[in-house]
Structures are given as structure tokens and as C-alpha cells.
């Protein structure tokens, strides 16, 4: 029994001595903690080496505009994520922000964005939607028709076994247009043939493109009313370049049967001028993608000309 107590007592004095030591001298304590840190780090590296855990990498590989209209633009940001680890890793959250010259246009978070396979790489697509009215109401100086620079900032939050949660920040610059709807008017309607049974004419349409970018026309559909009577509708497949900040004149063929519209049509032709309405769409390519833009002009007035009239007033 006494031997036990005697073997006990040195432990007690040792502990006590330790305490006294702690109180007086921090040097050794720091040394001990450093050794522990080194040991833990050493173990961590050994686990990392043994299990092969490493940090995933991510890169913005592209930004596409699948759809653009006068109201909104859709962007898809492609992010290529590579996982060097032997187990799949979950993407916890993806935070995104689009800003233009330091001003926020849109931001948000995509939760549970999926899983990247073991030893695999995957392109994660982040769909973003910018609504022009929101941008214009926030920033009054962003003019329709202009091209604005933007920066996409993305932070990927990823959970990795052993290492824990990490965040990978990414950014990419680009440009988006704020499209402007071209203004249209009919400068004149020129008849090639005019009889009771058949009228064929060419409608001279001016398209004023106020955008800072060209519009490559693919096709156009239109409907024409003269004095509130719909006389023609057609679709024209025509490729032409509608230059930026310029008025482009297009010649649209129309044909109709005057007798279907009774005496009003004759009076109109005799008067050589009439009210018109034109509505339709132009299908165009822009440097940012494909757009279908509505065009319309209501309550315009135009001149009607016969083919044999002198064209001395041609612009």
C-alpha cells in the first residue's frame, strides 16, 4: 500500500511543478504547442498523401447568350470544375454577381449545385437573367442601344472530405447590348400594276437602327393596313445588313385584290395618299446572338405612286 502512495506522490509533485512552470515560463508551453501543430500538420499531409485529397480547380470557360430580346438577356456562364480526389465532392453553393463598371446588376445564390465525380471534371452551367427594365430603372444613364461592359463574379463553395469547406472565387469580363427597337416608316408605296382584279406594289420601308451594333437581317414578316384595311401580309427571306446608327431602306413586295376592298380603295388611290399601319418582326443576327425584334408603325401617312409617275421627288 505504501509503495503505491509513494509511486503516486511523484506524479502529484510533477503536476504541481508543471503548473508552477506554466505560470512562470511560457516558452516551453509555446514549444510544446508548436510541436503539436507540427505533428497534426504532419499527420494531415500523410493522410492527404495516402488518400490523395487535393483542392479542386475551377475556371470560367465561356459565357453564352442563348436568348436575347428587347426585354431581357439570358446569359449562361460555363464553369469547368476538376476534382482530383478519389471520392465525389458536393458543390454546396454557388454565389454569383454581375456588375457593370462597379455597379451591381444582379446577384444570387444557387444552392446544391450538384456533385463533381471522383477524378473527374464537369462543366457547371449557371443560367443568369438580366431584365433591361430593372437595369434602366436602377441606372438611368444606361442608354438603350448601347453596349455595356460587365464582370461576372462567381464563388464556388465546395465540401471536401478531410480538408473541409473551401471557396473558389472566379471572375470573367464581357459585354452585353441593351437593344433598341428599330423605328420604321413607309416612305412610299409604288404600284407596278393596278386593276380591279389585281394590284402589285412595292412598299419602301425605312428602318432606323439606333443601336451601337449592326443587325444582320435574315427574314422579316409584315402585315400592312391602308386606311384600317389589312391589304397584305407576307414573309420575306432577305439577307441584308442593317447598319448601326443608320437608316436602311427596304423594298417589300405586296399584292392584293382592290375589288375585295370596295370603293374605299379607289378613293384612296385617287387621292394619292393614305394612312397606313405596318406591323411585323425582323429576324436578325447581332454580335451577341440571334434576336427576333417586333417592328410597328401605326397611323403613318404615305404617298401612293403609279409606276409611270415621274419619280423626281425620289430621295
C-alpha atoms as a PDB file:
ATOM      1  CA  UNK A   1       0.000   0.000   0.000  1.00  0.00           C
ATOM      2  CA  UNK A   2       2.744   2.447   0.996  1.00  0.00           C
ATOM      3  CA  UNK A   3       4.598   1.665  -2.236  1.00  0.00           C
ATOM      4  CA  UNK A   4       1.506   2.747  -4.190  1.00  0.00           C
ATOM      5  CA  UNK A   5       1.276   6.043  -2.343  1.00  0.00           C
ATOM      6  CA  UNK A   6       4.993   6.659  -2.797  1.00  0.00           C
ATOM      7  CA  UNK A   7       4.678   5.972  -6.528  1.00  0.00           C
ATOM      8  CA  UNK A   8       1.622   8.273  -6.568  1.00  0.00           C
ATOM      9  CA  UNK A   9       3.331  11.226  -4.910  1.00  0.00           C
ATOM     10  CA  UNK A  10       5.960  11.991  -7.580  1.00  0.00           C
ATOM     11  CA  UNK A  11       3.129  12.299 -10.132  1.00  0.00           C
ATOM     12  CA  UNK A  12       1.387  14.816  -7.953  1.00  0.00           C
ATOM     13  CA  UNK A  13       4.530  16.884  -7.395  1.00  0.00           C
ATOM     14  CA  UNK A  14       5.289  16.653 -11.114  1.00  0.00           C
ATOM     15  CA  UNK A  15       1.889  18.036 -11.998  1.00  0.00           C
ATOM     16  CA  UNK A  16       2.239  20.749  -9.423  1.00  0.00           C
ATOM     17  CA  UNK A  17       5.693  21.611 -10.706  1.00  0.00           C
ATOM     18  CA  UNK A  18       4.231  21.770 -14.209  1.00  0.00           C
ATOM     19  CA  UNK A  19       1.621  24.236 -13.074  1.00  0.00           C
ATOM     20  CA  UNK A  20       4.235  26.406 -11.392  1.00  0.00           C
ATOM     21  CA  UNK A  21       6.289  26.200 -14.537  1.00  0.00           C
ATOM     22  CA  UNK A  22       3.360  27.261 -16.663  1.00  0.00           C
ATOM     23  CA  UNK A  23       2.810  30.273 -14.514  1.00  0.00           C
ATOM     24  CA  UNK A  24       6.409  31.382 -14.812  1.00  0.00           C
ATOM     25  CA  UNK A  25       7.666  30.398 -18.215  1.00  0.00           C
ATOM     26  CA  UNK A  26       5.586  30.378 -21.412  1.00  0.00           C
ATOM     27  CA  UNK A  27       8.498  29.458 -23.632  1.00  0.00           C
ATOM     28  CA  UNK A  28       8.256  25.749 -23.080  1.00  0.00           C
ATOM     29  CA  UNK A  29       4.477  25.733 -23.383  1.00  0.00           C
ATOM     30  CA  UNK A  30       4.750  27.500 -26.777  1.00  0.00           C
ATOM     31  CA  UNK A  31       7.296  24.947 -27.824  1.00  0.00           C
ATOM     32  CA  UNK A  32       5.001  22.127 -26.843  1.00  0.00           C
ATOM     33  CA  UNK A  33       2.041  23.614 -28.803  1.00  0.00           C
ATOM     34  CA  UNK A  34       4.252  24.156 -31.837  1.00  0.00           C
ATOM     35  CA  UNK A  35       5.296  20.527 -31.654  1.00  0.00           C
ATOM     36  CA  UNK A  36       1.644  19.501 -31.501  1.00  0.00           C
ATOM     37  CA  UNK A  37       0.859  21.717 -34.511  1.00  0.00           C
ATOM     38  CA  UNK A  38       3.750  20.227 -36.460  1.00  0.00           C
ATOM     39  CA  UNK A  39       2.571  16.750 -35.537  1.00  0.00           C
ATOM     40  CA  UNK A  40      -1.014  17.498 -36.635  1.00  0.00           C
ATOM     41  CA  UNK A  41       0.161  19.043 -39.885  1.00  0.00           C
ATOM     42  CA  UNK A  42       2.457  16.097 -40.458  1.00  0.00           C
ATOM     43  CA  UNK A  43      -0.440  13.689 -39.928  1.00  0.00           C
ATOM     44  CA  UNK A  44      -2.626  15.835 -42.221  1.00  0.00           C
ATOM     45  CA  UNK A  45      -0.069  15.701 -45.008  1.00  0.00           C
ATOM     46  CA  UNK A  46       0.363  11.955 -44.517  1.00  0.00           C
ATOM     47  CA  UNK A  47      -3.431  11.492 -44.763  1.00  0.00           C
ATOM     48  CA  UNK A  48      -3.546  13.768 -47.801  1.00  0.00           C
ATOM     49  CA  UNK A  49      -0.719  11.821 -49.445  1.00  0.00           C
ATOM     50  CA  UNK A  50      -2.206   8.471 -48.532  1.00  0.00           C
ATOM     51  CA  UNK A  51      -5.781   9.268 -49.502  1.00  0.00           C
ATOM     52  CA  UNK A  52      -4.869  11.650 -52.291  1.00  0.00           C
ATOM     53  CA  UNK A  53      -7.127  14.523 -51.293  1.00  0.00           C
ATOM     54  CA  UNK A  54      -6.437  17.746 -53.097  1.00  0.00           C
ATOM     55  CA  UNK A  55      -8.164  21.003 -53.799  1.00  0.00           C
ATOM     56  CA  UNK A  56     -10.452  21.124 -56.829  1.00  0.00           C
ATOM     57  CA  UNK A  57      -9.803  23.737 -59.502  1.00  0.00           C
ATOM     58  CA  UNK A  58     -12.359  25.820 -61.349  1.00  0.00           C
ATOM     59  CA  UNK A  59     -12.266  28.074 -64.394  1.00  0.00           C
ATOM     60  CA  UNK A  60     -14.794  30.148 -66.332  1.00  0.00           C
ATOM     61  CA  UNK A  61     -14.531  28.615 -69.804  1.00  0.00           C
ATOM     62  CA  UNK A  62     -17.189  30.670 -71.559  1.00  0.00           C
ATOM     63  CA  UNK A  63     -20.255  32.872 -71.423  1.00  0.00           C
ATOM     64  CA  UNK A  64     -23.057  32.327 -73.932  1.00  0.00           C
ATOM     65  CA  UNK A  65     -26.158  34.334 -74.738  1.00  0.00           C
ATOM     66  CA  UNK A  66     -28.768  31.730 -75.724  1.00  0.00           C
ATOM     67  CA  UNK A  67     -31.553  34.278 -75.880  1.00  0.00           C
ATOM     68  CA  UNK A  68     -31.802  37.983 -76.221  1.00  0.00           C
ATOM     69  CA  UNK A  69     -34.847  40.175 -76.741  1.00  0.00           C
ATOM     70  CA  UNK A  70     -35.859  43.777 -76.218  1.00  0.00           C
ATOM     71  CA  UNK A  71     -36.955  42.905 -72.671  1.00  0.00           C
ATOM     72  CA  UNK A  72     -34.234  40.638 -71.362  1.00  0.00           C
ATOM     73  CA  UNK A  73     -31.000  38.816 -71.995  1.00  0.00           C
ATOM     74  CA  UNK A  74     -30.128  35.327 -70.826  1.00  0.00           C
ATOM     75  CA  UNK A  75     -26.530  34.504 -70.036  1.00  0.00           C
ATOM     76  CA  UNK A  76     -25.093  31.070 -69.368  1.00  0.00           C
ATOM     77  CA  UNK A  77     -21.764  31.001 -67.561  1.00  0.00           C
ATOM     78  CA  UNK A  78     -19.793  27.779 -68.117  1.00  0.00           C
ATOM     79  CA  UNK A  79     -17.523  26.802 -65.235  1.00  0.00           C
ATOM     80  CA  UNK A  80     -15.217  23.832 -65.617  1.00  0.00           C
ATOM     81  CA  UNK A  81     -14.542  22.197 -62.247  1.00  0.00           C
ATOM     82  CA  UNK A  82     -11.914  19.461 -61.867  1.00  0.00           C
ATOM     83  CA  UNK A  83     -11.937  17.108 -58.874  1.00  0.00           C
ATOM     84  CA  UNK A  84      -8.587  15.366 -58.256  1.00  0.00           C
ATOM     85  CA  UNK A  85      -9.996  13.327 -55.375  1.00  0.00           C
ATOM     86  CA  UNK A  86     -10.946   9.644 -55.230  1.00  0.00           C
ATOM     87  CA  UNK A  87     -14.444  10.485 -53.986  1.00  0.00           C
ATOM     88  CA  UNK A  88     -17.198  12.678 -55.478  1.00  0.00           C
ATOM     89  CA  UNK A  89     -17.367  16.164 -53.985  1.00  0.00           C
ATOM     90  CA  UNK A  90     -20.571  18.134 -53.496  1.00  0.00           C
ATOM     91  CA  UNK A  91     -20.926  21.731 -54.610  1.00  0.00           C
ATOM     92  CA  UNK A  92     -22.582  23.327 -51.611  1.00  0.00           C
ATOM     93  CA  UNK A  93     -23.492  26.756 -53.016  1.00  0.00           C
ATOM     94  CA  UNK A  94     -22.598  28.886 -55.978  1.00  0.00           C
ATOM     95  CA  UNK A  95     -22.793  32.624 -55.353  1.00  0.00           C
ATOM     96  CA  UNK A  96     -22.860  34.937 -58.360  1.00  0.00           C
ATOM     97  CA  UNK A  97     -22.804  38.650 -59.032  1.00  0.00           C
ATOM     98  CA  UNK A  98     -22.882  40.570 -62.300  1.00  0.00           C
ATOM     99  CA  UNK A  99     -21.732  44.149 -62.156  1.00  0.00           C
ATOM    100  CA  UNK A 100     -21.181  46.862 -64.732  1.00  0.00           C
ATOM    101  CA  UNK A 101     -18.474  49.411 -64.024  1.00  0.00           C
ATOM    102  CA  UNK A 102     -18.659  48.641 -60.314  1.00  0.00           C
ATOM    103  CA  UNK A 103     -22.458  48.728 -60.109  1.00  0.00           C
ATOM    104  CA  UNK A 104     -24.440  45.626 -59.278  1.00  0.00           C
ATOM    105  CA  UNK A 105     -26.846  44.426 -61.967  1.00  0.00           C
ATOM    106  CA  UNK A 106     -27.873  41.090 -60.457  1.00  0.00           C
ATOM    107  CA  UNK A 107     -26.768  38.706 -57.729  1.00  0.00           C
ATOM    108  CA  UNK A 108     -27.920  35.487 -56.142  1.00  0.00           C
ATOM    109  CA  UNK A 109     -27.052  32.035 -54.875  1.00  0.00           C
ATOM    110  CA  UNK A 110     -27.597  28.630 -56.447  1.00  0.00           C
ATOM    111  CA  UNK A 111     -27.900  26.051 -53.645  1.00  0.00           C
ATOM    112  CA  UNK A 112     -26.994  22.348 -54.003  1.00  0.00           C
ATOM    113  CA  UNK A 113     -25.473  22.786 -57.419  1.00  0.00           C
ATOM    114  CA  UNK A 114     -24.645  19.107 -57.866  1.00  0.00           C
ATOM    115  CA  UNK A 115     -21.683  16.778 -57.428  1.00  0.00           C
ATOM    116  CA  UNK A 116     -18.378  16.510 -59.247  1.00  0.00           C
ATOM    117  CA  UNK A 117     -17.368  12.890 -59.883  1.00  0.00           C
ATOM    118  CA  UNK A 118     -14.227  11.344 -58.428  1.00  0.00           C
ATOM    119  CA  UNK A 119     -11.151  12.071 -60.570  1.00  0.00           C
ATOM    120  CA  UNK A 120     -13.478  13.866 -62.938  1.00  0.00           C
ATOM    121  CA  UNK A 121     -14.182  17.263 -64.365  1.00  0.00           C
ATOM    122  CA  UNK A 122     -17.521  18.720 -65.193  1.00  0.00           C
ATOM    123  CA  UNK A 123     -18.873  21.911 -66.702  1.00  0.00           C
ATOM    124  CA  UNK A 124     -21.414  23.512 -64.429  1.00  0.00           C
ATOM    125  CA  UNK A 125     -23.754  25.867 -66.266  1.00  0.00           C
ATOM    126  CA  UNK A 126     -25.034  28.879 -64.348  1.00  0.00           C
ATOM    127  CA  UNK A 127     -28.068  30.470 -66.028  1.00  0.00           C
ATOM    128  CA  UNK A 128     -28.479  34.187 -65.363  1.00  0.00           C
ATOM    129  CA  UNK A 129     -31.257  36.504 -66.469  1.00  0.00           C
ATOM    130  CA  UNK A 130     -30.910  40.256 -66.871  1.00  0.00           C
ATOM    131  CA  UNK A 131     -34.104  42.246 -67.325  1.00  0.00           C
ATOM    132  CA  UNK A 132     -33.445  45.530 -69.095  1.00  0.00           C
ATOM    133  CA  UNK A 133     -36.186  47.465 -67.303  1.00  0.00           C
ATOM    134  CA  UNK A 134     -34.561  46.607 -63.975  1.00  0.00           C
ATOM    135  CA  UNK A 135     -31.181  47.795 -65.212  1.00  0.00           C
ATOM    136  CA  UNK A 136     -32.602  51.000 -66.690  1.00  0.00           C
ATOM    137  CA  UNK A 137     -34.603  51.808 -63.563  1.00  0.00           C
ATOM    138  CA  UNK A 138     -31.513  51.295 -61.400  1.00  0.00           C
ATOM    139  CA  UNK A 139     -29.096  53.089 -63.701  1.00  0.00           C
ATOM    140  CA  UNK A 140     -30.686  55.940 -65.617  1.00  0.00           C
ATOM    141  CA  UNK A 141     -27.574  56.594 -67.666  1.00  0.00           C
ATOM    142  CA  UNK A 142     -27.552  53.194 -69.384  1.00  0.00           C
ATOM    143  CA  UNK A 143     -28.934  54.121 -72.787  1.00  0.00           C
ATOM    144  CA  UNK A 144     -30.981  51.776 -74.962  1.00  0.00           C
ATOM    145  CA  UNK A 145     -28.923  50.824 -77.990  1.00  0.00           C
ATOM    146  CA  UNK A 146     -25.659  50.874 -76.072  1.00  0.00           C
ATOM    147  CA  UNK A 147     -23.192  48.113 -75.325  1.00  0.00           C
ATOM    148  CA  UNK A 148     -22.264  47.859 -71.656  1.00  0.00           C
ATOM    149  CA  UNK A 149     -19.255  46.085 -70.140  1.00  0.00           C
ATOM    150  CA  UNK A 150     -19.880  43.662 -67.330  1.00  0.00           C
ATOM    151  CA  UNK A 151     -17.981  41.469 -64.916  1.00  0.00           C
ATOM    152  CA  UNK A 152     -19.302  38.133 -63.659  1.00  0.00           C
ATOM    153  CA  UNK A 153     -18.041  37.195 -60.211  1.00  0.00           C
ATOM    154  CA  UNK A 154     -18.668  33.641 -59.047  1.00  0.00           C
ATOM    155  CA  UNK A 155     -17.725  31.973 -55.763  1.00  0.00           C
ATOM    156  CA  UNK A 156     -17.914  28.168 -55.639  1.00  0.00           C
ATOM    157  CA  UNK A 157     -18.355  26.732 -52.133  1.00  0.00           C
ATOM    158  CA  UNK A 158     -17.222  23.104 -52.026  1.00  0.00           C
ATOM    159  CA  UNK A 159     -17.088  20.491 -49.252  1.00  0.00           C
ATOM    160  CA  UNK A 160     -14.021  18.263 -49.386  1.00  0.00           C
ATOM    161  CA  UNK A 161     -13.506  15.321 -47.045  1.00  0.00           C
ATOM    162  CA  UNK A 162     -10.539  15.766 -44.650  1.00  0.00           C
ATOM    163  CA  UNK A 163      -9.846  19.332 -45.889  1.00  0.00           C
ATOM    164  CA  UNK A 164     -13.307  20.748 -45.178  1.00  0.00           C
ATOM    165  CA  UNK A 165     -15.170  23.550 -46.915  1.00  0.00           C
ATOM    166  CA  UNK A 166     -13.298  25.700 -49.395  1.00  0.00           C
ATOM    167  CA  UNK A 167     -14.342  28.612 -51.590  1.00  0.00           C
ATOM    168  CA  UNK A 168     -13.021  29.259 -55.074  1.00  0.00           C
ATOM    169  CA  UNK A 169     -13.566  32.809 -56.387  1.00  0.00           C
ATOM    170  CA  UNK A 170     -13.712  33.344 -60.170  1.00  0.00           C
ATOM    171  CA  UNK A 171     -14.385  36.280 -62.444  1.00  0.00           C
ATOM    172  CA  UNK A 172     -14.779  36.999 -66.136  1.00  0.00           C
ATOM    173  CA  UNK A 173     -15.410  40.134 -68.189  1.00  0.00           C
ATOM    174  CA  UNK A 174     -17.721  40.524 -71.147  1.00  0.00           C
ATOM    175  CA  UNK A 175     -20.110  42.838 -72.961  1.00  0.00           C
ATOM    176  CA  UNK A 176     -23.870  42.848 -73.342  1.00  0.00           C
ATOM    177  CA  UNK A 177     -26.027  45.052 -75.511  1.00  0.00           C
ATOM    178  CA  UNK A 178     -29.083  46.933 -74.323  1.00  0.00           C
ATOM    179  CA  UNK A 179     -31.024  46.571 -77.586  1.00  0.00           C
ATOM    180  CA  UNK A 180     -33.121  49.342 -79.090  1.00  0.00           C
ATOM    181  CA  UNK A 181     -36.119  48.611 -81.262  1.00  0.00           C
ATOM    182  CA  UNK A 182     -35.566  49.995 -84.780  1.00  0.00           C
ATOM    183  CA  UNK A 183     -38.069  52.650 -85.836  1.00  0.00           C
ATOM    184  CA  UNK A 184     -39.901  52.105 -89.116  1.00  0.00           C
ATOM    185  CA  UNK A 185     -41.827  54.217 -91.561  1.00  0.00           C
ATOM    186  CA  UNK A 186     -43.130  53.746 -95.083  1.00  0.00           C
ATOM    187  CA  UNK A 187     -41.780  56.482 -97.337  1.00  0.00           C
ATOM    188  CA  UNK A 188     -43.942  55.491-100.312  1.00  0.00           C
ATOM    189  CA  UNK A 189     -45.943  52.710-101.887  1.00  0.00           C
ATOM    190  CA  UNK A 190     -45.272  52.345-105.591  1.00  0.00           C
ATOM    191  CA  UNK A 191     -47.749  50.396-107.728  1.00  0.00           C
ATOM    192  CA  UNK A 192     -46.458  48.325-110.622  1.00  0.00           C
ATOM    193  CA  UNK A 193     -49.863  47.063-111.626  1.00  0.00           C
ATOM    194  CA  UNK A 194     -53.265  48.289-110.632  1.00  0.00           C
ATOM    195  CA  UNK A 195     -56.533  46.881-111.855  1.00  0.00           C
ATOM    196  CA  UNK A 196     -59.806  45.952-110.287  1.00  0.00           C
ATOM    197  CA  UNK A 197     -58.661  42.338-110.015  1.00  0.00           C
ATOM    198  CA  UNK A 198     -55.054  42.710-109.030  1.00  0.00           C
ATOM    199  CA  UNK A 199     -52.694  45.248-107.569  1.00  0.00           C
ATOM    200  CA  UNK A 200     -48.980  44.679-107.088  1.00  0.00           C
ATOM    201  CA  UNK A 201     -46.848  47.257-105.380  1.00  0.00           C
ATOM    202  CA  UNK A 202     -43.550  47.832-103.646  1.00  0.00           C
ATOM    203  CA  UNK A 203     -43.570  49.291-100.209  1.00  0.00           C
ATOM    204  CA  UNK A 204     -40.494  51.410 -99.414  1.00  0.00           C
ATOM    205  CA  UNK A 205     -39.773  50.807 -95.736  1.00  0.00           C
ATOM    206  CA  UNK A 206     -37.185  52.802 -93.772  1.00  0.00           C
ATOM    207  CA  UNK A 207     -35.605  51.015 -90.803  1.00  0.00           C
ATOM    208  CA  UNK A 208     -33.749  53.310 -88.421  1.00  0.00           C
ATOM    209  CA  UNK A 209     -31.248  51.253 -86.426  1.00  0.00           C
ATOM    210  CA  UNK A 210     -30.333  53.292 -83.348  1.00  0.00           C
ATOM    211  CA  UNK A 211     -28.206  50.501 -81.862  1.00  0.00           C
ATOM    212  CA  UNK A 212     -24.427  50.701 -81.491  1.00  0.00           C
ATOM    213  CA  UNK A 213     -24.199  47.428 -83.429  1.00  0.00           C
ATOM    214  CA  UNK A 214     -25.220  46.173 -86.869  1.00  0.00           C
ATOM    215  CA  UNK A 215     -28.247  43.939 -87.329  1.00  0.00           C
ATOM    216  CA  UNK A 216     -27.863  41.165 -89.900  1.00  0.00           C
ATOM    217  CA  UNK A 217     -31.335  40.618 -91.321  1.00  0.00           C
ATOM    218  CA  UNK A 218     -32.341  37.009 -92.084  1.00  0.00           C
ATOM    219  CA  UNK A 219     -36.043  37.432 -92.685  1.00  0.00           C
ATOM    220  CA  UNK A 220     -38.982  39.634 -91.983  1.00  0.00           C
ATOM    221  CA  UNK A 221     -42.721  39.191 -91.649  1.00  0.00           C
ATOM    222  CA  UNK A 222     -45.111  42.069 -92.051  1.00  0.00           C
ATOM    223  CA  UNK A 223     -48.744  42.992 -92.341  1.00  0.00           C
ATOM    224  CA  UNK A 224     -49.883  46.208 -93.972  1.00  0.00           C
ATOM    225  CA  UNK A 225     -53.079  48.165 -93.401  1.00  0.00           C
ATOM    226  CA  UNK A 226     -54.221  51.026 -95.633  1.00  0.00           C
ATOM    227  CA  UNK A 227     -56.959  53.139 -94.059  1.00  0.00           C
ATOM    228  CA  UNK A 228     -57.593  50.445 -91.438  1.00  0.00           C
ATOM    229  CA  UNK A 229     -57.997  47.717 -94.055  1.00  0.00           C
ATOM    230  CA  UNK A 230     -55.483  44.863 -93.917  1.00  0.00           C
ATOM    231  CA  UNK A 231     -54.396  44.565 -97.541  1.00  0.00           C
ATOM    232  CA  UNK A 232     -51.375  42.282 -97.355  1.00  0.00           C
ATOM    233  CA  UNK A 233     -49.254  40.114 -95.155  1.00  0.00           C
ATOM    234  CA  UNK A 234     -46.118  38.340 -96.207  1.00  0.00           C
ATOM    235  CA  UNK A 235     -42.818  36.919 -95.090  1.00  0.00           C
ATOM    236  CA  UNK A 236     -39.658  37.999 -96.802  1.00  0.00           C
ATOM    237  CA  UNK A 237     -36.464  35.970 -96.660  1.00  0.00           C
ATOM    238  CA  UNK A 238     -33.814  38.541 -97.267  1.00  0.00           C
ATOM    239  CA  UNK A 239     -30.279  38.843 -96.018  1.00  0.00           C
ATOM    240  CA  UNK A 240     -29.094  42.388 -95.677  1.00  0.00           C
ATOM    241  CA  UNK A 241     -27.006  44.315 -93.196  1.00  0.00           C
ATOM    242  CA  UNK A 242     -28.897  46.971 -91.266  1.00  0.00           C
ATOM    243  CA  UNK A 243     -26.018  49.224 -90.283  1.00  0.00           C
ATOM    244  CA  UNK A 244     -25.724  50.696 -86.805  1.00  0.00           C
ATOM    245  CA  UNK A 245     -26.869  54.310 -86.357  1.00  0.00           C
ATOM    246  CA  UNK A 246     -28.173  54.402 -89.955  1.00  0.00           C
ATOM    247  CA  UNK A 247     -31.466  54.302 -91.807  1.00  0.00           C
ATOM    248  CA  UNK A 248     -31.742  51.359 -94.196  1.00  0.00           C
ATOM    249  CA  UNK A 249     -34.457  51.341 -96.864  1.00  0.00           C
ATOM    250  CA  UNK A 250     -36.027  48.023 -97.765  1.00  0.00           C
ATOM    251  CA  UNK A 251     -38.382  47.238-100.609  1.00  0.00           C
ATOM    252  CA  UNK A 252     -41.247  44.999 -99.582  1.00  0.00           C
ATOM    253  CA  UNK A 253     -43.460  43.445-102.249  1.00  0.00           C
ATOM    254  CA  UNK A 254     -47.234  43.458-101.615  1.00  0.00           C
ATOM    255  CA  UNK A 255     -50.102  42.276-103.746  1.00  0.00           C
ATOM    256  CA  UNK A 256     -53.837  42.328-103.168  1.00  0.00           C
ATOM    257  CA  UNK A 257     -57.170  42.472-104.992  1.00  0.00           C
ATOM    258  CA  UNK A 258     -58.660  46.003-104.905  1.00  0.00           C
ATOM    259  CA  UNK A 259     -62.156  44.676-105.612  1.00  0.00           C
ATOM    260  CA  UNK A 260     -62.106  42.925-102.227  1.00  0.00           C
ATOM    261  CA  UNK A 261     -61.978  46.307-100.550  1.00  0.00           C
ATOM    262  CA  UNK A 262     -64.663  48.130-102.480  1.00  0.00           C
ATOM    263  CA  UNK A 263     -64.791  51.816-103.346  1.00  0.00           C
ATOM    264  CA  UNK A 264     -62.699  52.969-100.388  1.00  0.00           C
ATOM    265  CA  UNK A 265     -59.598  51.610-102.111  1.00  0.00           C
ATOM    266  CA  UNK A 266     -60.323  53.524-105.340  1.00  0.00           C
ATOM    267  CA  UNK A 267     -60.867  56.774-103.457  1.00  0.00           C
ATOM    268  CA  UNK A 268     -57.604  56.199-101.672  1.00  0.00           C
ATOM    269  CA  UNK A 269     -55.630  55.589-104.814  1.00  0.00           C
ATOM    270  CA  UNK A 270     -57.166  58.634-106.496  1.00  0.00           C
ATOM    271  CA  UNK A 271     -56.274  60.770-103.514  1.00  0.00           C
ATOM    272  CA  UNK A 272     -52.670  59.589-103.935  1.00  0.00           C
ATOM    273  CA  UNK A 273     -52.076  59.464-100.183  1.00  0.00           C
ATOM    274  CA  UNK A 274     -53.297  57.423 -97.328  1.00  0.00           C
ATOM    275  CA  UNK A 275     -52.937  56.491 -93.704  1.00  0.00           C
ATOM    276  CA  UNK A 276     -51.123  53.209 -93.154  1.00  0.00           C
ATOM    277  CA  UNK A 277     -50.134  50.833 -90.390  1.00  0.00           C
ATOM    278  CA  UNK A 278     -47.387  48.233 -90.639  1.00  0.00           C
ATOM    279  CA  UNK A 279     -46.620  45.574 -88.062  1.00  0.00           C
ATOM    280  CA  UNK A 280     -44.291  42.636 -88.087  1.00  0.00           C
ATOM    281  CA  UNK A 281     -40.969  41.237 -86.922  1.00  0.00           C
ATOM    282  CA  UNK A 282     -37.422  41.265 -88.136  1.00  0.00           C
ATOM    283  CA  UNK A 283     -35.301  38.217 -87.536  1.00  0.00           C
ATOM    284  CA  UNK A 284     -31.700  39.394 -87.086  1.00  0.00           C
ATOM    285  CA  UNK A 285     -28.260  38.279 -86.021  1.00  0.00           C
ATOM    286  CA  UNK A 286     -26.363  40.561 -83.667  1.00  0.00           C
ATOM    287  CA  UNK A 287     -22.773  40.256 -82.417  1.00  0.00           C
ATOM    288  CA  UNK A 288     -24.376  38.900 -79.222  1.00  0.00           C
ATOM    289  CA  UNK A 289     -26.674  36.312 -80.746  1.00  0.00           C
ATOM    290  CA  UNK A 290     -29.937  35.938 -82.562  1.00  0.00           C
ATOM    291  CA  UNK A 291     -32.932  38.216 -81.965  1.00  0.00           C
ATOM    292  CA  UNK A 292     -36.487  38.491 -83.184  1.00  0.00           C
ATOM    293  CA  UNK A 293     -37.500  42.136 -82.871  1.00  0.00           C
ATOM    294  CA  UNK A 294     -41.038  43.459 -83.313  1.00  0.00           C
ATOM    295  CA  UNK A 295     -41.468  46.416 -85.654  1.00  0.00           C
ATOM    296  CA  UNK A 296     -44.566  48.552 -85.947  1.00  0.00           C
ATOM    297  CA  UNK A 297     -45.782  51.925 -87.095  1.00  0.00           C
ATOM    298  CA  UNK A 298     -49.378  52.957 -86.619  1.00  0.00           C
ATOM    299  CA  UNK A 299     -51.177  55.919 -88.099  1.00  0.00           C
ATOM    300  CA  UNK A 300     -48.437  56.934 -90.502  1.00  0.00           C
ATOM    301  CA  UNK A 301     -49.224  58.629 -93.785  1.00  0.00           C
ATOM    302  CA  UNK A 302     -47.580  57.837 -97.077  1.00  0.00           C
ATOM    303  CA  UNK A 303     -47.710  58.631-100.766  1.00  0.00           C
ATOM    304  CA  UNK A 304     -49.066  56.200-103.318  1.00  0.00           C
ATOM    305  CA  UNK A 305     -47.381  56.343-106.712  1.00  0.00           C
ATOM    306  CA  UNK A 306     -48.049  54.687-110.042  1.00  0.00           C
ATOM    307  CA  UNK A 307     -45.068  53.094-111.753  1.00  0.00           C
ATOM    308  CA  UNK A 308     -45.283  55.564-114.644  1.00  0.00           C
ATOM    309  CA  UNK A 309     -45.340  58.661-112.409  1.00  0.00           C
ATOM    310  CA  UNK A 310     -42.295  60.851-112.583  1.00  0.00           C
ATOM    311  CA  UNK A 311     -40.006  59.944-109.741  1.00  0.00           C
ATOM    312  CA  UNK A 312     -38.431  63.373-109.493  1.00  0.00           C
ATOM    313  CA  UNK A 313     -39.135  63.503-105.790  1.00  0.00           C
ATOM    314  CA  UNK A 314     -37.095  60.349-105.110  1.00  0.00           C
ATOM    315  CA  UNK A 315     -34.722  60.891-102.234  1.00  0.00           C
END
